[in-house]
PDB file of N, CA and C in Angstrom:
ATOM      1  N   MET A   1       8.891  37.121  16.304  1.00  0.00           N
ATOM      2  CA  MET A   1       7.869  35.828  15.879  1.00  0.00           C
ATOM      3  C   MET A   1       6.241  36.882  16.087  1.00  0.00           C
ATOM      4  N   ASP A   2       6.026  36.406  14.907  1.00  0.00           N
ATOM      5  CA  ASP A   2       4.762  36.926  14.537  1.00  0.00           C
ATOM      6  C   ASP A   2       3.684  35.931  14.529  1.00  0.00           C
ATOM      7  N   SER A   3       3.898  34.552  14.502  1.00  0.00           N
ATOM      8  CA  SER A   3       3.147  33.210  14.486  1.00  0.00           C
ATOM      9  C   SER A   3       3.799  32.084  14.754  1.00  0.00           C
ATOM     10  N   MET A   4       2.923  31.212  14.753  1.00  0.00           N
ATOM     11  CA  MET A   4       3.532  29.958  15.225  1.00  0.00           C
ATOM     12  C   MET A   4       2.492  28.631  14.818  1.00  0.00           C
ATOM     13  N   ILE A   5       3.309  27.792  14.130  1.00  0.00           N
ATOM     14  CA  ILE A   5       2.551  26.757  13.747  1.00  0.00           C
ATOM     15  C   ILE A   5       2.138  25.585  15.082  1.00  0.00           C
ATOM     16  N   PHE A   6       1.259  24.838  15.019  1.00  0.00           N
ATOM     17  CA  PHE A   6       0.898  23.952  15.986  1.00  0.00           C
ATOM     18  C   PHE A   6       0.382  22.986  15.594  1.00  0.00           C
ATOM     19  N   ASP A   7       0.781  21.716  15.609  1.00  0.00           N
ATOM     20  CA  ASP A   7       0.471  20.195  15.015  1.00  0.00           C
ATOM     21  C   ASP A   7      -0.448  19.673  16.064  1.00  0.00           C
ATOM     22  N   LEU A   8      -2.064  19.906  15.850  1.00  0.00           N
ATOM     23  CA  LEU A   8      -2.982  19.709  16.885  1.00  0.00           C
ATOM     24  C   LEU A   8      -3.119  18.039  16.989  1.00  0.00           C
ATOM     25  N   ASP A   9      -3.062  17.382  15.769  1.00  0.00           N
ATOM     26  CA  ASP A   9      -3.571  16.048  15.606  1.00  0.00           C
ATOM     27  C   ASP A   9      -2.409  15.222  16.062  1.00  0.00           C
ATOM     28  N   GLY A  10      -2.866  14.238  16.898  1.00  0.00           N
ATOM     29  CA  GLY A  10      -1.804  13.464  17.807  1.00  0.00           C
ATOM     30  C   GLY A  10      -1.058  14.462  18.881  1.00  0.00           C
ATOM     31  N   THR A  11      -1.025  15.459  19.184  1.00  0.00           N
ATOM     32  CA  THR A  11      -0.570  16.566  20.042  1.00  0.00           C
ATOM     33  C   THR A  11      -1.338  16.600  21.027  1.00  0.00           C
ATOM     34  N   LEU A  12      -2.367  17.294  20.518  1.00  0.00           N
ATOM     35  CA  LEU A  12      -3.694  17.625  21.616  1.00  0.00           C
ATOM     36  C   LEU A  12      -4.754  16.619  21.691  1.00  0.00           C
ATOM     37  N   TRP A  13      -4.764  16.071  20.652  1.00  0.00           N
ATOM     38  CA  TRP A  13      -6.487  15.444  20.356  1.00  0.00           C
ATOM     39  C   TRP A  13      -5.991  14.229  19.835  1.00  0.00           C
ATOM     40  N   ASP A  14      -6.616  12.803  19.790  1.00  0.00           N
ATOM     41  CA  ASP A  14      -7.083  11.600  19.046  1.00  0.00           C
ATOM     42  C   ASP A  14      -7.919  11.773  17.783  1.00  0.00           C
ATOM     43  N   SER A  15      -7.676  11.886  16.710  1.00  0.00           N
ATOM     44  CA  SER A  15      -8.669  12.034  16.024  1.00  0.00           C
ATOM     45  C   SER A  15      -9.178  10.759  15.072  1.00  0.00           C
ATOM     46  N   LEU A  16      -8.076   9.671  15.687  1.00  0.00           N
ATOM     47  CA  LEU A  16      -8.142   8.259  14.584  1.00  0.00           C
ATOM     48  C   LEU A  16      -9.787   7.880  14.722  1.00  0.00           C
ATOM     49  N   ASP A  17     -10.706   7.743  15.552  1.00  0.00           N
ATOM     50  CA  ASP A  17     -12.128   7.315  15.514  1.00  0.00           C
ATOM     51  C   ASP A  17     -12.708   7.832  14.504  1.00  0.00           C
ATOM     52  N   VAL A  18     -12.521   9.234  14.660  1.00  0.00           N
ATOM     53  CA  VAL A  18     -13.444   9.875  13.588  1.00  0.00           C
ATOM     54  C   VAL A  18     -12.654   9.970  12.129  1.00  0.00           C
ATOM     55  N   VAL A  19     -11.231   9.881  11.943  1.00  0.00           N
ATOM     56  CA  VAL A  19     -11.018   9.332  10.626  1.00  0.00           C
ATOM     57  C   VAL A  19     -11.195   8.297  10.329  1.00  0.00           C
ATOM     58  N   ALA A  20     -10.823   7.035  10.953  1.00  0.00           N
ATOM     59  CA  ALA A  20     -11.586   5.517  10.391  1.00  0.00           C
ATOM     60  C   ALA A  20     -12.811   5.609  10.002  1.00  0.00           C
ATOM     61  N   ASP A  21     -13.779   6.248  10.578  1.00  0.00           N
ATOM     62  CA  ASP A  21     -14.962   6.314  10.497  1.00  0.00           C
ATOM     63  C   ASP A  21     -15.371   6.659   8.990  1.00  0.00           C
ATOM     64  N   VAL A  22     -14.735   8.196   8.641  1.00  0.00           N
ATOM     65  CA  VAL A  22     -14.694   8.718   7.713  1.00  0.00           C
ATOM     66  C   VAL A  22     -14.358   7.842   6.335  1.00  0.00           C
ATOM     67  N   TRP A  23     -12.745   7.487   6.507  1.00  0.00           N
ATOM     68  CA  TRP A  23     -12.510   6.746   5.430  1.00  0.00           C
ATOM     69  C   TRP A  23     -13.268   5.520   5.220  1.00  0.00           C
ATOM     70  N   ASN A  24     -13.774   4.848   5.992  1.00  0.00           N
ATOM     71  CA  ASN A  24     -14.489   3.637   5.670  1.00  0.00           C
ATOM     72  C   ASN A  24     -15.687   3.795   4.976  1.00  0.00           C
ATOM     73  N   ARG A  25     -16.594   5.073   5.608  1.00  0.00           N
ATOM     74  CA  ARG A  25     -17.375   5.649   4.711  1.00  0.00           C
ATOM     75  C   ARG A  25     -17.128   5.919   3.229  1.00  0.00           C
ATOM     76  N   VAL A  26     -16.331   6.634   2.898  1.00  0.00           N
ATOM     77  CA  VAL A  26     -15.736   6.425   1.547  1.00  0.00           C
ATOM     78  C   VAL A  26     -15.243   5.378   0.751  1.00  0.00           C
ATOM     79  N   LEU A  27     -14.937   4.552   1.444  1.00  0.00           N
ATOM     80  CA  LEU A  27     -14.296   3.328   0.845  1.00  0.00           C
ATOM     81  C   LEU A  27     -15.288   2.441   0.768  1.00  0.00           C
ATOM     82  N   SER A  28     -16.644   2.650   1.306  1.00  0.00           N
ATOM     83  CA  SER A  28     -17.479   1.846   1.390  1.00  0.00           C
ATOM     84  C   SER A  28     -18.282   1.982   0.141  1.00  0.00           C
ATOM     85  N   GLU A  29     -17.943   3.274  -0.600  1.00  0.00           N
ATOM     86  CA  GLU A  29     -18.422   3.742  -2.041  1.00  0.00           C
ATOM     87  C   GLU A  29     -17.857   2.882  -3.211  1.00  0.00           C
ATOM     88  N   TYR A  30     -16.885   1.969  -2.698  1.00  0.00           N
ATOM     89  CA  TYR A  30     -16.125   1.340  -3.877  1.00  0.00           C
ATOM     90  C   TYR A  30     -16.871  -0.054  -3.956  1.00  0.00           C
ATOM     91  N   LYS A  31     -17.837  -0.495  -3.199  1.00  0.00           N
ATOM     92  CA  LYS A  31     -18.603  -1.569  -3.286  1.00  0.00           C
ATOM     93  C   LYS A  31     -17.553  -2.960  -2.686  1.00  0.00           C
ATOM     94  N   GLY A  32     -16.953  -2.731  -1.959  1.00  0.00           N
ATOM     95  CA  GLY A  32     -16.148  -3.843  -1.313  1.00  0.00           C
ATOM     96  C   GLY A  32     -15.095  -4.209  -2.138  1.00  0.00           C
ATOM     97  N   SER A  33     -14.659  -3.506  -3.118  1.00  0.00           N
ATOM     98  CA  SER A  33     -13.190  -3.517  -3.783  1.00  0.00           C
ATOM     99  C   SER A  33     -11.880  -3.210  -3.029  1.00  0.00           C
ATOM    100  N   ILE A  34     -12.415  -2.344  -2.308  1.00  0.00           N
ATOM    101  CA  ILE A  34     -11.447  -1.887  -0.797  1.00  0.00           C
ATOM    102  C   ILE A  34     -11.636  -1.739   0.200  1.00  0.00           C
ATOM    103  N   GLY A  35     -10.969  -2.963   0.994  1.00  0.00           N
ATOM    104  CA  GLY A  35     -11.639  -3.303   2.269  1.00  0.00           C
ATOM    105  C   GLY A  35     -11.501  -2.153   3.299  1.00  0.00           C
ATOM    106  N   GLU A  36     -11.975  -2.510   4.450  1.00  0.00           N
ATOM    107  CA  GLU A  36     -12.156  -1.502   5.291  1.00  0.00           C
ATOM    108  C   GLU A  36     -10.707  -0.998   6.035  1.00  0.00           C
ATOM    109  N   VAL A  37     -10.418   0.475   6.614  1.00  0.00           N
ATOM    110  CA  VAL A  37      -9.272   0.674   7.224  1.00  0.00           C
ATOM    111  C   VAL A  37      -9.306   0.523   8.836  1.00  0.00           C
ATOM    112  N   THR A  38      -8.560   0.442   9.426  1.00  0.00           N
ATOM    113  CA  THR A  38      -8.419   0.257  11.051  1.00  0.00           C
ATOM    114  C   THR A  38      -7.520   1.509  11.483  1.00  0.00           C
ATOM    115  N   LYS A  39      -7.900   1.862  12.647  1.00  0.00           N
ATOM    116  CA  LYS A  39      -6.931   2.739  13.207  1.00  0.00           C
ATOM    117  C   LYS A  39      -5.528   2.783  13.340  1.00  0.00           C
ATOM    118  N   GLU A  40      -5.200   1.382  13.316  1.00  0.00           N
ATOM    119  CA  GLU A  40      -3.876   0.945  13.128  1.00  0.00           C
ATOM    120  C   GLU A  40      -2.990   1.199  11.822  1.00  0.00           C
ATOM    121  N   ASP A  41      -4.089   0.844  10.517  1.00  0.00           N
ATOM    122  CA  ASP A  41      -3.517   1.130   9.191  1.00  0.00           C
ATOM    123  C   ASP A  41      -3.314   2.653   9.234  1.00  0.00           C
ATOM    124  N   LEU A  42      -4.199   3.403   9.656  1.00  0.00           N
ATOM    125  CA  LEU A  42      -4.091   4.848   9.444  1.00  0.00           C
ATOM    126  C   LEU A  42      -2.581   5.544  10.313  1.00  0.00           C
ATOM    127  N   ARG A  43      -2.225   4.590  11.489  1.00  0.00           N
ATOM    128  CA  ARG A  43      -1.208   5.079  12.203  1.00  0.00           C
ATOM    129  C   ARG A  43      -0.160   4.697  11.616  1.00  0.00           C
ATOM    130  N   GLY A  44      -0.218   3.541  10.641  1.00  0.00           N
ATOM    131  CA  GLY A  44       0.986   3.570   9.696  1.00  0.00           C
ATOM    132  C   GLY A  44       1.357   4.441   8.615  1.00  0.00           C
ATOM    133  N   ILE A  45       0.401   5.377   8.087  1.00  0.00           N
ATOM    134  CA  ILE A  45       0.809   6.144   7.406  1.00  0.00           C
ATOM    135  C   ILE A  45       0.869   7.622   7.798  1.00  0.00           C
ATOM    136  N   MET A  46       0.615   7.915   8.919  1.00  0.00           N
ATOM    137  CA  MET A  46       0.750   9.229   9.806  1.00  0.00           C
ATOM    138  C   MET A  46       2.410   9.826   9.335  1.00  0.00           C
ATOM    139  N   GLY A  47       2.049  10.888   8.789  1.00  0.00           N
ATOM    140  CA  GLY A  47       3.548  11.855   8.406  1.00  0.00           C
ATOM    141  C   GLY A  47       4.162  11.229   7.133  1.00  0.00           C
ATOM    142  N   LEU A  48       3.529  10.546   6.380  1.00  0.00           N
ATOM    143  CA  LEU A  48       3.973   9.916   5.012  1.00  0.00           C
ATOM    144  C   LEU A  48       3.549  11.027   4.127  1.00  0.00           C
ATOM    145  N   GLN A  49       4.039  11.153   2.828  1.00  0.00           N
ATOM    146  CA  GLN A  49       3.827  12.055   1.704  1.00  0.00           C
ATOM    147  C   GLN A  49       2.306  10.911   1.195  1.00  0.00           C
ATOM    148  N   ALA A  50       1.694  11.951   0.284  1.00  0.00           N
ATOM    149  CA  ALA A  50       0.518  11.280  -0.146  1.00  0.00           C
ATOM    150  C   ALA A  50       0.735  10.243  -1.119  1.00  0.00           C
ATOM    151  N   ASP A  51       1.830  10.069  -1.763  1.00  0.00           N
ATOM    152  CA  ASP A  51       2.372   8.980  -2.764  1.00  0.00           C
ATOM    153  C   ASP A  51       2.438   7.680  -1.997  1.00  0.00           C
ATOM    154  N   GLU A  52       3.241   8.021  -1.356  1.00  0.00           N
ATOM    155  CA  GLU A  52       3.734   6.857  -0.215  1.00  0.00           C
ATOM    156  C   GLU A  52       2.551   6.200   0.325  1.00  0.00           C
ATOM    157  N   ALA A  53       1.520   7.281   1.053  1.00  0.00           N
ATOM    158  CA  ALA A  53       0.311   6.716   1.685  1.00  0.00           C
ATOM    159  C   ALA A  53      -0.409   5.685   0.759  1.00  0.00           C
ATOM    160  N   GLY A  54      -0.461   6.265  -0.504  1.00  0.00           N
ATOM    161  CA  GLY A  54      -1.309   5.667  -1.335  1.00  0.00           C
ATOM    162  C   GLY A  54      -0.979   4.220  -1.406  1.00  0.00           C
ATOM    163  N   ARG A  55       0.413   4.165  -1.859  1.00  0.00           N
ATOM    164  CA  ARG A  55       1.087   3.023  -2.042  1.00  0.00           C
ATOM    165  C   ARG A  55       0.960   1.982  -0.906  1.00  0.00           C
ATOM    166  N   LYS A  56       0.997   2.272   0.138  1.00  0.00           N
ATOM    167  CA  LYS A  56       0.922   1.573   1.385  1.00  0.00           C
ATOM    168  C   LYS A  56      -0.540   1.179   1.748  1.00  0.00           C
ATOM    169  N   MET A  57      -1.482   1.976   1.354  1.00  0.00           N
ATOM    170  CA  MET A  57      -3.040   1.794   1.696  1.00  0.00           C
ATOM    171  C   MET A  57      -3.874   1.210   0.695  1.00  0.00           C
ATOM    172  N   PHE A  58      -3.017   1.263  -0.518  1.00  0.00           N
ATOM    173  CA  PHE A  58      -3.912   0.782  -1.960  1.00  0.00           C
ATOM    174  C   PHE A  58      -2.782  -0.069  -2.759  1.00  0.00           C
ATOM    175  N   PRO A  59      -2.287  -0.873  -2.168  1.00  0.00           N
ATOM    176  CA  PRO A  59      -1.202  -1.363  -3.305  1.00  0.00           C
ATOM    177  C   PRO A  59      -1.642  -2.390  -4.228  1.00  0.00           C
ATOM    178  N   GLY A  60      -2.890  -2.377  -4.321  1.00  0.00           N
ATOM    179  CA  GLY A  60      -3.280  -3.207  -5.677  1.00  0.00           C
ATOM    180  C   GLY A  60      -3.716  -2.096  -6.635  1.00  0.00           C
ATOM    181  N   LEU A  61      -3.677  -1.085  -6.420  1.00  0.00           N
ATOM    182  CA  LEU A  61      -4.346   0.124  -7.166  1.00  0.00           C
ATOM    183  C   LEU A  61      -3.096   1.037  -8.095  1.00  0.00           C
ATOM    184  N   ASP A  62      -3.365   1.523  -8.903  1.00  0.00           N
ATOM    185  CA  ASP A  62      -2.052   2.577  -9.928  1.00  0.00           C
ATOM    186  C   ASP A  62      -2.291   3.634  -9.304  1.00  0.00           C
ATOM    187  N   GLU A  63      -1.295   4.214  -9.450  1.00  0.00           N
ATOM    188  CA  GLU A  63      -1.150   5.707  -8.461  1.00  0.00           C
ATOM    189  C   GLU A  63      -2.290   6.599  -8.846  1.00  0.00           C
ATOM    190  N   GLU A  64      -2.778   6.423  -9.792  1.00  0.00           N
ATOM    191  CA  GLU A  64      -3.812   7.722 -10.268  1.00  0.00           C
ATOM    192  C   GLU A  64      -4.577   7.412  -9.427  1.00  0.00           C
ATOM    193  N   ALA A  65      -5.334   6.134  -9.347  1.00  0.00           N
ATOM    194  CA  ALA A  65      -6.666   5.706  -8.661  1.00  0.00           C
ATOM    195  C   ALA A  65      -6.239   5.942  -6.973  1.00  0.00           C
ATOM    196  N   GLN A  66      -5.052   5.510  -6.692  1.00  0.00           N
ATOM    197  CA  GLN A  66      -4.624   5.526  -5.056  1.00  0.00           C
ATOM    198  C   GLN A  66      -4.696   7.190  -4.588  1.00  0.00           C
ATOM    199  N   GLN A  67      -4.283   7.849  -5.725  1.00  0.00           N
ATOM    200  CA  GLN A  67      -4.434   9.621  -5.164  1.00  0.00           C
ATOM    201  C   GLN A  67      -5.699  10.080  -5.411  1.00  0.00           C
ATOM    202  N   LYS A  68      -6.729   9.401  -6.225  1.00  0.00           N
ATOM    203  CA  LYS A  68      -7.953   9.722  -6.389  1.00  0.00           C
ATOM    204  C   LYS A  68      -8.516   9.396  -5.032  1.00  0.00           C
ATOM    205  N   ILE A  69      -8.400   8.080  -4.206  1.00  0.00           N
ATOM    206  CA  ILE A  69      -9.494   7.617  -3.215  1.00  0.00           C
ATOM    207  C   ILE A  69      -8.571   8.437  -1.725  1.00  0.00           C
ATOM    208  N   LEU A  70      -7.490   8.729  -2.157  1.00  0.00           N
ATOM    209  CA  LEU A  70      -6.916   9.533  -0.806  1.00  0.00           C
ATOM    210  C   LEU A  70      -7.471  10.757  -0.844  1.00  0.00           C
ATOM    211  N   GLY A  71      -7.695  11.381  -1.780  1.00  0.00           N
ATOM    212  CA  GLY A  71      -7.822  12.816  -2.294  1.00  0.00           C
ATOM    213  C   GLY A  71      -9.460  13.078  -1.413  1.00  0.00           C
ATOM    214  N   GLN A  72     -10.313  11.885  -1.953  1.00  0.00           N
ATOM    215  CA  GLN A  72     -11.656  11.798  -1.237  1.00  0.00           C
ATOM    216  C   GLN A  72     -11.805  11.614   0.173  1.00  0.00           C
ATOM    217  N   CYS A  73     -10.744  10.730   0.569  1.00  0.00           N
ATOM    218  CA  CYS A  73     -10.604  10.194   2.123  1.00  0.00           C
ATOM    219  C   CYS A  73     -10.270  11.433   2.823  1.00  0.00           C
ATOM    220  N   TYR A  74      -9.130  12.464   2.172  1.00  0.00           N
ATOM    221  CA  TYR A  74      -8.618  13.691   3.028  1.00  0.00           C
ATOM    222  C   TYR A  74      -9.602  14.755   2.991  1.00  0.00           C
ATOM    223  N   ASP A  75     -10.386  14.675   2.028  1.00  0.00           N
ATOM    224  CA  ASP A  75     -11.448  15.941   1.824  1.00  0.00           C
ATOM    225  C   ASP A  75     -12.596  15.682   3.012  1.00  0.00           C
ATOM    226  N   ALA A  76     -13.223  14.503   3.112  1.00  0.00           N
ATOM    227  CA  ALA A  76     -14.220  13.812   3.902  1.00  0.00           C
ATOM    228  C   ALA A  76     -13.725  14.108   5.223  1.00  0.00           C
ATOM    229  N   GLU A  77     -12.390  13.805   5.582  1.00  0.00           N
ATOM    230  CA  GLU A  77     -11.739  13.867   6.824  1.00  0.00           C
ATOM    231  C   GLU A  77     -11.629  15.368   7.399  1.00  0.00           C
ATOM    232  N   CYS A  78     -11.647  16.094   6.580  1.00  0.00           N
ATOM    233  CA  CYS A  78     -11.341  17.568   7.179  1.00  0.00           C
ATOM    234  C   CYS A  78     -12.490  18.171   7.307  1.00  0.00           C
ATOM    235  N   VAL A  79     -13.665  17.843   6.590  1.00  0.00           N
ATOM    236  CA  VAL A  79     -15.137  18.115   6.926  1.00  0.00           C
ATOM    237  C   VAL A  79     -15.531  17.911   8.247  1.00  0.00           C
ATOM    238  N   SER A  80     -15.261  16.326   8.429  1.00  0.00           N
ATOM    239  CA  SER A  80     -15.679  15.678   9.829  1.00  0.00           C
ATOM    240  C   SER A  80     -15.105  16.145  11.013  1.00  0.00           C
ATOM    241  N   LEU A  81     -13.801  16.262  10.643  1.00  0.00           N
ATOM    242  CA  LEU A  81     -12.910  16.640  11.755  1.00  0.00           C
ATOM    243  C   LEU A  81     -13.153  18.464  12.268  1.00  0.00           C
ATOM    244  N   ALA A  82     -13.710  19.060  11.278  1.00  0.00           N
ATOM    245  CA  ALA A  82     -14.088  20.521  11.382  1.00  0.00           C
ATOM    246  C   ALA A  82     -15.448  20.217  12.093  1.00  0.00           C
ATOM    247  N   GLU A  83     -16.334  19.228  11.764  1.00  0.00           N
ATOM    248  CA  GLU A  83     -17.851  19.297  12.639  1.00  0.00           C
ATOM    249  C   GLU A  83     -17.381  18.766  13.912  1.00  0.00           C
ATOM    250  N   GLN A  84     -16.727  17.604  14.124  1.00  0.00           N
ATOM    251  CA  GLN A  84     -16.502  16.633  15.430  1.00  0.00           C
ATOM    252  C   GLN A  84     -15.311  16.716  16.210  1.00  0.00           C
ATOM    253  N   GLY A  85     -14.342  17.372  15.548  1.00  0.00           N
ATOM    254  CA  GLY A  85     -13.012  17.362  16.369  1.00  0.00           C
ATOM    255  C   GLY A  85     -12.519  15.884  16.452  1.00  0.00           C
ATOM    256  N   GLY A  86     -11.665  15.886  17.546  1.00  0.00           N
ATOM    257  CA  GLY A  86     -11.324  14.594  18.096  1.00  0.00           C
ATOM    258  C   GLY A  86     -11.138  14.650  19.718  1.00  0.00           C
ATOM    259  N   ARG A  87     -10.822  13.331  20.078  1.00  0.00           N
ATOM    260  CA  ARG A  87     -10.769  13.104  21.327  1.00  0.00           C
ATOM    261  C   ARG A  87      -9.485  13.853  22.277  1.00  0.00           C
ATOM    262  N   LEU A  88      -9.603  14.772  23.228  1.00  0.00           N
ATOM    263  CA  LEU A  88      -8.874  15.469  23.608  1.00  0.00           C
ATOM    264  C   LEU A  88      -8.141  14.304  24.430  1.00  0.00           C
ATOM    265  N   PHE A  89      -6.416  14.592  24.898  1.00  0.00           N
ATOM    266  CA  PHE A  89      -6.012  13.463  25.536  1.00  0.00           C
ATOM    267  C   PHE A  89      -6.223  14.103  26.921  1.00  0.00           C
ATOM    268  N   GLU A  90      -6.237  12.821  27.642  1.00  0.00           N
ATOM    269  CA  GLU A  90      -6.145  13.264  29.303  1.00  0.00           C
ATOM    270  C   GLU A  90      -5.108  14.048  29.671  1.00  0.00           C
ATOM    271  N   GLN A  91      -5.334  14.825  30.790  1.00  0.00           N
ATOM    272  CA  GLN A  91      -4.454  15.693  31.404  1.00  0.00           C
ATOM    273  C   GLN A  91      -4.003  16.825  30.453  1.00  0.00           C
ATOM    274  N   LEU A  92      -4.680  17.125  29.435  1.00  0.00           N
ATOM    275  CA  LEU A  92      -4.065  18.152  28.519  1.00  0.00           C
ATOM    276  C   LEU A  92      -3.987  19.320  29.468  1.00  0.00           C
ATOM    277  N   GLU A  93      -4.180  19.891  30.262  1.00  0.00           N
ATOM    278  CA  GLU A  93      -4.380  21.249  30.805  1.00  0.00           C
ATOM    279  C   GLU A  93      -2.701  21.017  31.505  1.00  0.00           C
ATOM    280  N   GLU A  94      -2.495  19.968  32.119  1.00  0.00           N
ATOM    281  CA  GLU A  94      -1.449  19.574  32.848  1.00  0.00           C
ATOM    282  C   GLU A  94      -0.322  20.031  31.724  1.00  0.00           C
ATOM    283  N   VAL A  95      -0.223  19.260  30.454  1.00  0.00           N
ATOM    284  CA  VAL A  95       0.862  19.181  29.684  1.00  0.00           C
ATOM    285  C   VAL A  95       0.985  20.628  29.080  1.00  0.00           C
TER     286      VAL A  95
END
């Protein structure tokens, strides 16, 4: 074996505070036509394919609009997580 892939998010750290903040900043650009998201909303789409996440998060929009907004959220999320990271889970070293 020459490499290993490890899922950091939800395994070593909790990024939901950062992610919810970023998504809400992106969504605020839509001038209230899309409501705010909560950490529970985001938990509900973890692990879903983008098309499924779009339908769940923005059911009143067509698929093209859903994917456009998701793309903006995902891009902004990556930038913020690279800068801020998430909150490491307690007892991480022991685990």
